[in-house]
């Protein structure tokens, strides 16, 4: 694994300290930033493999930081830090290439596990990814690269490899929302619930997409608003593979 540093961006000192200490056992250099301006300055100065990014910070909006990172350094992977488990801008975040989220409060083990998972995703051999878990990780890598067409195809392969996991159906539903196919997305959210009626992310997504409030939150992947603008669709098309 390449030892490019990990950057932690959060305005809370205790969060930066806790995360830094939690990631130390990985043996990867850790840097921190208190806001978006400092984060972008550090990324300009040296390369990073992974950024933990809090969207709720003073100064530059976290979503704008995410957008600039993915536009200028598309291979940097982003993990969104959220205090609520869902974010109102999840659709935009996923469109920009953020597919991994971690909720406050979190344990040191959860931080290390997610960081390791995201970094090891880069080592996947696409030709040899045939089992369910490898295919799901490969799909998330495609999302990070904003290759949504490839991501949808890969999730379908994961479902074919092992159709017993609700996460895959839920993820495909989110990807179909990004494509603009809300009705098909709902079918896959329902399929996830057929497998596991207690799978909360699919319940949240289904409730949101079948309600009048199309601007609700989304769980475990972003949504596609039914009233997407032509500009949004054009941006998605430009990233299709």
C-alpha atoms as a PDB file:
ATOM      1  CA  UNK A   1       0.000   0.000   0.000  1.00  0.00           C
ATOM      2  CA  UNK A   2       1.389   3.423  -0.993  1.00  0.00           C
ATOM      3  CA  UNK A   3       2.194   5.545   2.022  1.00  0.00           C
ATOM      4  CA  UNK A   4       0.710   8.839   0.875  1.00  0.00           C
ATOM      5  CA  UNK A   5      -0.538  10.756   3.927  1.00  0.00           C
ATOM      6  CA  UNK A   6      -4.106  10.811   5.200  1.00  0.00           C
ATOM      7  CA  UNK A   7      -5.636  14.248   5.802  1.00  0.00           C
ATOM      8  CA  UNK A   8      -8.221  14.849   8.532  1.00  0.00           C
ATOM      9  CA  UNK A   9     -10.317  17.991   8.037  1.00  0.00           C
ATOM     10  CA  UNK A  10     -12.483  18.970  11.006  1.00  0.00           C
ATOM     11  CA  UNK A  11     -12.870  22.154  13.020  1.00  0.00           C
ATOM     12  CA  UNK A  12     -13.172  20.208  16.297  1.00  0.00           C
ATOM     13  CA  UNK A  13      -9.788  19.690  17.943  1.00  0.00           C
ATOM     14  CA  UNK A  14     -10.909  16.593  19.848  1.00  0.00           C
ATOM     15  CA  UNK A  15     -12.119  14.942  16.650  1.00  0.00           C
ATOM     16  CA  UNK A  16      -8.822  15.637  14.878  1.00  0.00           C
ATOM     17  CA  UNK A  17      -6.867  14.261  17.820  1.00  0.00           C
ATOM     18  CA  UNK A  18      -9.036  11.156  18.233  1.00  0.00           C
ATOM     19  CA  UNK A  19      -8.913  10.326  14.545  1.00  0.00           C
ATOM     20  CA  UNK A  20      -5.161  10.914  14.307  1.00  0.00           C
ATOM     21  CA  UNK A  21      -4.503   8.585  17.230  1.00  0.00           C
ATOM     22  CA  UNK A  22      -6.914   5.994  15.833  1.00  0.00           C
ATOM     23  CA  UNK A  23      -5.162   5.920  12.450  1.00  0.00           C
ATOM     24  CA  UNK A  24      -1.586   5.799  13.785  1.00  0.00           C
ATOM     25  CA  UNK A  25      -1.479   1.954  13.880  1.00  0.00           C
ATOM     26  CA  UNK A  26      -1.861   1.910  10.086  1.00  0.00           C
ATOM     27  CA  UNK A  27       1.672   3.272   9.761  1.00  0.00           C
ATOM     28  CA  UNK A  28       0.562   5.996   7.348  1.00  0.00           C
ATOM     29  CA  UNK A  29       1.539   9.656   7.883  1.00  0.00           C
ATOM     30  CA  UNK A  30      -1.346  11.739   9.243  1.00  0.00           C
ATOM     31  CA  UNK A  31      -1.940  15.454   8.766  1.00  0.00           C
ATOM     32  CA  UNK A  32      -4.820  17.607   9.966  1.00  0.00           C
ATOM     33  CA  UNK A  33      -6.576  20.802   8.894  1.00  0.00           C
ATOM     34  CA  UNK A  34      -8.999  22.952  10.859  1.00  0.00           C
ATOM     35  CA  UNK A  35     -11.002  24.168   7.852  1.00  0.00           C
ATOM     36  CA  UNK A  36     -11.403  23.888   4.108  1.00  0.00           C
ATOM     37  CA  UNK A  37      -8.960  26.654   3.295  1.00  0.00           C
ATOM     38  CA  UNK A  38      -6.154  24.968   5.205  1.00  0.00           C
ATOM     39  CA  UNK A  39      -7.045  21.581   3.723  1.00  0.00           C
ATOM     40  CA  UNK A  40      -6.869  22.839   0.140  1.00  0.00           C
ATOM     41  CA  UNK A  41      -3.578  24.573   0.887  1.00  0.00           C
ATOM     42  CA  UNK A  42      -2.049  21.358   2.189  1.00  0.00           C
ATOM     43  CA  UNK A  43      -3.321  19.337  -0.767  1.00  0.00           C
ATOM     44  CA  UNK A  44      -1.750  21.886  -3.114  1.00  0.00           C
ATOM     45  CA  UNK A  45       1.582  21.361  -1.351  1.00  0.00           C
ATOM     46  CA  UNK A  46       1.714  17.548  -1.257  1.00  0.00           C
ATOM     47  CA  UNK A  47      -0.283  14.489  -2.416  1.00  0.00           C
ATOM     48  CA  UNK A  48      -2.725  12.632  -0.164  1.00  0.00           C
ATOM     49  CA  UNK A  49      -4.275   9.209  -0.574  1.00  0.00           C
ATOM     50  CA  UNK A  50      -7.337   9.791   1.590  1.00  0.00           C
ATOM     51  CA  UNK A  51      -9.200  12.717   3.148  1.00  0.00           C
ATOM     52  CA  UNK A  52     -11.630  12.541   6.059  1.00  0.00           C
ATOM     53  CA  UNK A  53     -13.823  15.596   5.432  1.00  0.00           C
ATOM     54  CA  UNK A  54     -16.346  17.204   7.769  1.00  0.00           C
ATOM     55  CA  UNK A  55     -18.903  19.108   5.696  1.00  0.00           C
ATOM     56  CA  UNK A  56     -20.045  21.327   8.587  1.00  0.00           C
ATOM     57  CA  UNK A  57     -17.155  23.755   9.113  1.00  0.00           C
ATOM     58  CA  UNK A  58     -16.720  27.539   9.208  1.00  0.00           C
ATOM     59  CA  UNK A  59     -15.340  29.214   6.108  1.00  0.00           C
ATOM     60  CA  UNK A  60     -15.475  27.379   2.790  1.00  0.00           C
ATOM     61  CA  UNK A  61     -18.485  25.067   2.619  1.00  0.00           C
ATOM     62  CA  UNK A  62     -17.451  21.435   2.941  1.00  0.00           C
ATOM     63  CA  UNK A  63     -19.275  20.524  -0.253  1.00  0.00           C
ATOM     64  CA  UNK A  64     -17.259  23.136  -2.130  1.00  0.00           C
ATOM     65  CA  UNK A  65     -14.069  21.628  -0.700  1.00  0.00           C
ATOM     66  CA  UNK A  66     -15.214  18.185  -1.848  1.00  0.00           C
ATOM     67  CA  UNK A  67     -16.006  19.518  -5.309  1.00  0.00           C
ATOM     68  CA  UNK A  68     -12.611  21.186  -5.699  1.00  0.00           C
ATOM     69  CA  UNK A  69     -10.709  18.140  -4.457  1.00  0.00           C
ATOM     70  CA  UNK A  70     -12.485  15.780  -6.853  1.00  0.00           C
ATOM     71  CA  UNK A  71     -12.154  18.206  -9.775  1.00  0.00           C
ATOM     72  CA  UNK A  72      -8.442  18.923  -9.266  1.00  0.00           C
ATOM     73  CA  UNK A  73      -7.280  15.679  -7.633  1.00  0.00           C
ATOM     74  CA  UNK A  74      -9.798  13.016  -8.733  1.00  0.00           C
ATOM     75  CA  UNK A  75      -7.789  10.090  -7.359  1.00  0.00           C
ATOM     76  CA  UNK A  76      -7.913  11.344  -3.784  1.00  0.00           C
ATOM     77  CA  UNK A  77     -10.504   9.307  -1.922  1.00  0.00           C
ATOM     78  CA  UNK A  78     -12.932  11.099   0.394  1.00  0.00           C
ATOM     79  CA  UNK A  79     -14.686   9.864   3.521  1.00  0.00           C
ATOM     80  CA  UNK A  80     -17.426  12.219   4.687  1.00  0.00           C
ATOM     81  CA  UNK A  81     -17.687  12.830   8.435  1.00  0.00           C
ATOM     82  CA  UNK A  82     -21.267  13.409   9.556  1.00  0.00           C
ATOM     83  CA  UNK A  83     -22.857  13.905  12.945  1.00  0.00           C
ATOM     84  CA  UNK A  84     -26.159  12.382  11.915  1.00  0.00           C
ATOM     85  CA  UNK A  85     -25.426   9.387   9.695  1.00  0.00           C
ATOM     86  CA  UNK A  86     -27.133  11.058   6.747  1.00  0.00           C
ATOM     87  CA  UNK A  87     -26.498  14.358   5.007  1.00  0.00           C
ATOM     88  CA  UNK A  88     -28.977  16.479   3.117  1.00  0.00           C
ATOM     89  CA  UNK A  89     -26.507  16.879   0.250  1.00  0.00           C
ATOM     90  CA  UNK A  90     -25.792  13.162  -0.143  1.00  0.00           C
ATOM     91  CA  UNK A  91     -26.886  13.181  -3.789  1.00  0.00           C
ATOM     92  CA  UNK A  92     -24.416  15.883  -4.669  1.00  0.00           C
ATOM     93  CA  UNK A  93     -21.705  14.263  -2.542  1.00  0.00           C
ATOM     94  CA  UNK A  94     -22.023  10.939  -4.338  1.00  0.00           C
ATOM     95  CA  UNK A  95     -22.152  12.625  -7.726  1.00  0.00           C
ATOM     96  CA  UNK A  96     -18.871  14.292  -6.824  1.00  0.00           C
ATOM     97  CA  UNK A  97     -17.310  10.957  -5.905  1.00  0.00           C
ATOM     98  CA  UNK A  98     -17.890  10.596  -2.157  1.00  0.00           C
ATOM     99  CA  UNK A  99     -19.357   7.175  -1.426  1.00  0.00           C
ATOM    100  CA  UNK A 100     -18.045   6.512   2.090  1.00  0.00           C
ATOM    101  CA  UNK A 101     -19.506   8.068   5.235  1.00  0.00           C
ATOM    102  CA  UNK A 102     -18.682   7.761   8.935  1.00  0.00           C
ATOM    103  CA  UNK A 103     -21.009   8.922  11.688  1.00  0.00           C
ATOM    104  CA  UNK A 104     -20.035  10.710  14.890  1.00  0.00           C
ATOM    105  CA  UNK A 105     -19.485   9.363  17.463  1.00  0.00           C
ATOM    106  CA  UNK A 106     -17.246   6.609  16.120  1.00  0.00           C
ATOM    107  CA  UNK A 107     -14.800   4.184  17.657  1.00  0.00           C
ATOM    108  CA  UNK A 108     -11.074   4.010  16.803  1.00  0.00           C
ATOM    109  CA  UNK A 109     -11.653   0.583  15.306  1.00  0.00           C
ATOM    110  CA  UNK A 110     -14.373   1.887  12.987  1.00  0.00           C
ATOM    111  CA  UNK A 111     -12.081   4.650  11.722  1.00  0.00           C
ATOM    112  CA  UNK A 112      -9.190   2.276  11.028  1.00  0.00           C
ATOM    113  CA  UNK A 113     -11.439  -0.310   9.395  1.00  0.00           C
ATOM    114  CA  UNK A 114     -13.027   2.183   7.014  1.00  0.00           C
ATOM    115  CA  UNK A 115      -9.707   3.805   6.097  1.00  0.00           C
ATOM    116  CA  UNK A 116      -8.168   0.400   5.410  1.00  0.00           C
ATOM    117  CA  UNK A 117     -11.173  -0.667   3.359  1.00  0.00           C
ATOM    118  CA  UNK A 118     -11.066   2.459   1.178  1.00  0.00           C
ATOM    119  CA  UNK A 119      -7.307   2.270   0.616  1.00  0.00           C
ATOM    120  CA  UNK A 120      -7.311  -1.452  -0.160  1.00  0.00           C
ATOM    121  CA  UNK A 121     -10.069  -0.823  -2.695  1.00  0.00           C
ATOM    122  CA  UNK A 122      -7.379   0.734  -4.893  1.00  0.00           C
ATOM    123  CA  UNK A 123      -5.578  -2.618  -5.122  1.00  0.00           C
ATOM    124  CA  UNK A 124      -8.525  -4.518  -6.586  1.00  0.00           C
ATOM    125  CA  UNK A 125      -7.905  -6.258  -9.887  1.00  0.00           C
ATOM    126  CA  UNK A 126     -11.006  -5.569 -11.935  1.00  0.00           C
ATOM    127  CA  UNK A 127     -10.617  -8.695 -14.075  1.00  0.00           C
ATOM    128  CA  UNK A 128     -10.375 -10.966 -11.032  1.00  0.00           C
ATOM    129  CA  UNK A 129     -13.168  -9.376  -9.001  1.00  0.00           C
ATOM    130  CA  UNK A 130     -15.851 -12.044  -9.150  1.00  0.00           C
ATOM    131  CA  UNK A 131     -17.122 -12.497  -5.579  1.00  0.00           C
ATOM    132  CA  UNK A 132     -19.816 -10.322  -4.044  1.00  0.00           C
ATOM    133  CA  UNK A 133     -17.662  -8.303  -1.656  1.00  0.00           C
ATOM    134  CA  UNK A 134     -14.930  -7.566  -4.214  1.00  0.00           C
ATOM    135  CA  UNK A 135     -17.548  -6.447  -6.728  1.00  0.00           C
ATOM    136  CA  UNK A 136     -19.203  -4.104  -4.220  1.00  0.00           C
ATOM    137  CA  UNK A 137     -15.843  -2.555  -3.384  1.00  0.00           C
ATOM    138  CA  UNK A 138     -15.054  -2.233  -7.088  1.00  0.00           C
ATOM    139  CA  UNK A 139     -18.408  -0.519  -7.646  1.00  0.00           C
ATOM    140  CA  UNK A 140     -17.572   1.981  -4.914  1.00  0.00           C
ATOM    141  CA  UNK A 141     -14.229   2.657  -6.594  1.00  0.00           C
ATOM    142  CA  UNK A 142     -16.084   3.395  -9.821  1.00  0.00           C
ATOM    143  CA  UNK A 143     -18.331   5.807  -7.916  1.00  0.00           C
ATOM    144  CA  UNK A 144     -15.260   7.526  -6.462  1.00  0.00           C
ATOM    145  CA  UNK A 145     -14.058   7.963 -10.047  1.00  0.00           C
ATOM    146  CA  UNK A 146     -17.549   9.161 -11.022  1.00  0.00           C
ATOM    147  CA  UNK A 147     -17.972   6.267 -13.413  1.00  0.00           C
ATOM    148  CA  UNK A 148     -21.629   5.684 -12.604  1.00  0.00           C
ATOM    149  CA  UNK A 149     -22.428   3.479 -15.584  1.00  0.00           C
ATOM    150  CA  UNK A 150     -19.590   1.111 -14.664  1.00  0.00           C
ATOM    151  CA  UNK A 151     -20.710   1.221 -11.029  1.00  0.00           C
ATOM    152  CA  UNK A 152     -24.254   0.166 -11.925  1.00  0.00           C
ATOM    153  CA  UNK A 153     -22.988  -2.700 -14.057  1.00  0.00           C
ATOM    154  CA  UNK A 154     -20.656  -3.858 -11.288  1.00  0.00           C
ATOM    155  CA  UNK A 155     -23.377  -3.787  -8.625  1.00  0.00           C
ATOM    156  CA  UNK A 156     -25.574  -5.897 -10.894  1.00  0.00           C
ATOM    157  CA  UNK A 157     -22.737  -8.417 -11.136  1.00  0.00           C
ATOM    158  CA  UNK A 158     -22.482  -8.424  -7.340  1.00  0.00           C
ATOM    159  CA  UNK A 159     -26.188  -9.184  -7.053  1.00  0.00           C
ATOM    160  CA  UNK A 160     -25.820 -12.014  -9.561  1.00  0.00           C
ATOM    161  CA  UNK A 161     -22.856 -13.403  -7.605  1.00  0.00           C
ATOM    162  CA  UNK A 162     -24.779 -13.395  -4.314  1.00  0.00           C
ATOM    163  CA  UNK A 163     -28.346 -12.047  -4.269  1.00  0.00           C
ATOM    164  CA  UNK A 164     -28.748 -12.372  -0.499  1.00  0.00           C
ATOM    165  CA  UNK A 165     -27.404  -8.949   0.561  1.00  0.00           C
ATOM    166  CA  UNK A 166     -29.716  -5.930   0.908  1.00  0.00           C
ATOM    167  CA  UNK A 167     -26.833  -3.448   0.620  1.00  0.00           C
ATOM    168  CA  UNK A 168     -26.305  -4.196  -3.077  1.00  0.00           C
ATOM    169  CA  UNK A 169     -29.956  -3.583  -3.966  1.00  0.00           C
ATOM    170  CA  UNK A 170     -29.958  -0.376  -1.953  1.00  0.00           C
ATOM    171  CA  UNK A 171     -26.755   0.835  -3.632  1.00  0.00           C
ATOM    172  CA  UNK A 172     -28.113   0.057  -7.077  1.00  0.00           C
ATOM    173  CA  UNK A 173     -31.269   1.964  -6.201  1.00  0.00           C
ATOM    174  CA  UNK A 174     -29.163   5.010  -5.319  1.00  0.00           C
ATOM    175  CA  UNK A 175     -27.226   4.722  -8.572  1.00  0.00           C
ATOM    176  CA  UNK A 176     -30.467   4.529 -10.520  1.00  0.00           C
ATOM    177  CA  UNK A 177     -31.619   7.700  -8.798  1.00  0.00           C
ATOM    178  CA  UNK A 178     -28.456   9.421  -9.979  1.00  0.00           C
ATOM    179  CA  UNK A 179     -29.290   8.216 -13.482  1.00  0.00           C
ATOM    180  CA  UNK A 180     -32.744   9.752 -13.089  1.00  0.00           C
ATOM    181  CA  UNK A 181     -34.776   6.540 -12.921  1.00  0.00           C
ATOM    182  CA  UNK A 182     -36.681   7.000  -9.694  1.00  0.00           C
ATOM    183  CA  UNK A 183     -39.249   4.259 -10.286  1.00  0.00           C
ATOM    184  CA  UNK A 184     -36.607   1.612 -10.894  1.00  0.00           C
ATOM    185  CA  UNK A 185     -34.755   2.877  -7.831  1.00  0.00           C
ATOM    186  CA  UNK A 186     -37.843   2.262  -5.697  1.00  0.00           C
ATOM    187  CA  UNK A 187     -38.063  -1.324  -6.981  1.00  0.00           C
ATOM    188  CA  UNK A 188     -34.543  -2.016  -5.781  1.00  0.00           C
ATOM    189  CA  UNK A 189     -35.164  -0.385  -2.408  1.00  0.00           C
ATOM    190  CA  UNK A 190     -38.166  -2.705  -2.033  1.00  0.00           C
ATOM    191  CA  UNK A 191     -36.029  -5.654  -3.100  1.00  0.00           C
ATOM    192  CA  UNK A 192     -33.573  -4.809  -0.321  1.00  0.00           C
ATOM    193  CA  UNK A 193     -36.439  -4.819   2.167  1.00  0.00           C
ATOM    194  CA  UNK A 194     -37.719  -8.138   0.846  1.00  0.00           C
ATOM    195  CA  UNK A 195     -34.354  -9.595   1.881  1.00  0.00           C
ATOM    196  CA  UNK A 196     -34.158  -7.772   5.198  1.00  0.00           C
ATOM    197  CA  UNK A 197     -37.264  -5.895   6.386  1.00  0.00           C
ATOM    198  CA  UNK A 198     -35.168  -4.215   9.107  1.00  0.00           C
ATOM    199  CA  UNK A 199     -32.619  -2.707   6.688  1.00  0.00           C
ATOM    200  CA  UNK A 200     -33.009   0.950   7.694  1.00  0.00           C
ATOM    201  CA  UNK A 201     -31.182   2.591   4.758  1.00  0.00           C
ATOM    202  CA  UNK A 202     -33.608   1.096   2.241  1.00  0.00           C
ATOM    203  CA  UNK A 203     -36.582   2.134   4.383  1.00  0.00           C
ATOM    204  CA  UNK A 204     -35.244   5.696   4.523  1.00  0.00           C
ATOM    205  CA  UNK A 205     -34.649   5.809   0.772  1.00  0.00           C
ATOM    206  CA  UNK A 206     -37.998   4.308  -0.099  1.00  0.00           C
ATOM    207  CA  UNK A 207     -39.877   6.641   2.216  1.00  0.00           C
ATOM    208  CA  UNK A 208     -38.054   9.634   0.756  1.00  0.00           C
ATOM    209  CA  UNK A 209     -38.612   8.699  -2.884  1.00  0.00           C
ATOM    210  CA  UNK A 210     -42.283   7.884  -2.407  1.00  0.00           C
ATOM    211  CA  UNK A 211     -43.091  11.058  -0.450  1.00  0.00           C
ATOM    212  CA  UNK A 212     -43.871  14.507  -1.736  1.00  0.00           C
ATOM    213  CA  UNK A 213     -40.718  15.803  -0.072  1.00  0.00           C
ATOM    214  CA  UNK A 214     -38.129  14.953  -2.720  1.00  0.00           C
ATOM    215  CA  UNK A 215     -35.417  16.826  -0.845  1.00  0.00           C
ATOM    216  CA  UNK A 216     -35.223  14.514   2.136  1.00  0.00           C
ATOM    217  CA  UNK A 217     -32.144  12.753   3.396  1.00  0.00           C
ATOM    218  CA  UNK A 218     -30.702   9.543   2.005  1.00  0.00           C
ATOM    219  CA  UNK A 219     -28.969   6.641   3.671  1.00  0.00           C
ATOM    220  CA  UNK A 220     -26.009   4.560   2.445  1.00  0.00           C
ATOM    221  CA  UNK A 221     -25.750   6.256  -0.926  1.00  0.00           C
ATOM    222  CA  UNK A 222     -27.063   9.308  -2.661  1.00  0.00           C
ATOM    223  CA  UNK A 223     -30.383  10.118  -4.088  1.00  0.00           C
ATOM    224  CA  UNK A 224     -31.509  11.533  -7.389  1.00  0.00           C
ATOM    225  CA  UNK A 225     -34.107  14.256  -7.052  1.00  0.00           C
ATOM    226  CA  UNK A 226     -37.087  13.848  -9.340  1.00  0.00           C
ATOM    227  CA  UNK A 227     -36.768  17.500 -10.334  1.00  0.00           C
ATOM    228  CA  UNK A 228     -33.163  17.290 -11.489  1.00  0.00           C
ATOM    229  CA  UNK A 229     -32.082  20.162 -13.674  1.00  0.00           C
ATOM    230  CA  UNK A 230     -30.721  19.710 -17.172  1.00  0.00           C
ATOM    231  CA  UNK A 231     -27.375  20.984 -15.931  1.00  0.00           C
ATOM    232  CA  UNK A 232     -27.209  18.205 -13.318  1.00  0.00           C
ATOM    233  CA  UNK A 233     -27.959  15.590 -15.963  1.00  0.00           C
ATOM    234  CA  UNK A 234     -25.330  17.047 -18.283  1.00  0.00           C
ATOM    235  CA  UNK A 235     -22.735  16.899 -15.508  1.00  0.00           C
ATOM    236  CA  UNK A 236     -23.562  13.247 -14.821  1.00  0.00           C
ATOM    237  CA  UNK A 237     -23.364  12.390 -18.511  1.00  0.00           C
ATOM    238  CA  UNK A 238     -19.915  13.934 -18.772  1.00  0.00           C
ATOM    239  CA  UNK A 239     -18.630  11.472 -16.159  1.00  0.00           C
ATOM    240  CA  UNK A 240     -20.253   8.332 -17.589  1.00  0.00           C
ATOM    241  CA  UNK A 241     -17.804   5.690 -18.788  1.00  0.00           C
END
